[in-house]
Amino acid sequence: MRNRFETQLEELNTELILMGGLIEASISSAVKALIEQDKEQAQKAILADVEIDEKEKEIESLCLKLLLQQQPVARDLRLISAALKMITDMERIGDQAADISEIAIYLSDGPHVKKLETIPEMAKATIKMVSDSIDAFVRKDLVLAEAVIDADDIVDELFLTVKNDLIALIHGNAETGGQALDLLMIAKYFERIGDHAVNIAEWVSFSITGEHKSGRVL
């Protein structure tokens, strides 16, 4: 019985890695669509959101099967519960990548009001946070999970840089205001992706220690 349970846990890890790969690719497509004003890349991210939603349902079903058909000990119960929480954040990341792509399509018909430098940095940082948070779960790596949480400060600083640059741009030329607000919205989506990666990392920490950052011990 335990051997079968361990096999299903490995399947859970594999499915989480696959879902992680989907959302990483979706973020990459979204930022490429923005920078290169590429509508095809934007559509990739939008279509990927459907696949991400389906993967969430598959993992949820697997987790429920593990809970109902097996008799997990406390450690395993924490792990499965954490996975259920993680996929909610992962699905939302897919939503936000699609939202970024929709704005990118809107912005693809004319030149950008400024060279995009900081937003791609945000994208790169958030992709790493997402990848590392899922790796931390699979490897049961508390140090890596903590590193993801710390990395959110970098994303927050980049967001403030984008915000301040766009405010200065609007002050210099009010006609840039419309696109500047769209770019600010995109930066905000990337900041939220970072927040979701932090949520994932906190659930990883919970799965290992039994304690969530909220202070609850479960």
Foldseek 3Di string as FASTA:
>chain_A
DVVVLVVLVVVLLVLLLVLLVLLLQLLVLLVCCQQVVPLVSLVSLLVSLVVLVVSLVVSLVSLVCSVPVHPDDPLVVLLSVLSNVLSVLSSVSSVLSNVSSVLSNVVSPDDQPDRDDLLVVLSVLLSVLSNQLSVCLVVLPLVSLVVLLVSLVVLVVSLVVLVVVLVVSCVVPVVNVVSSVSVNVNSVSSSVSSVSSNSSSQSSNCSNPQAGPVGDRD
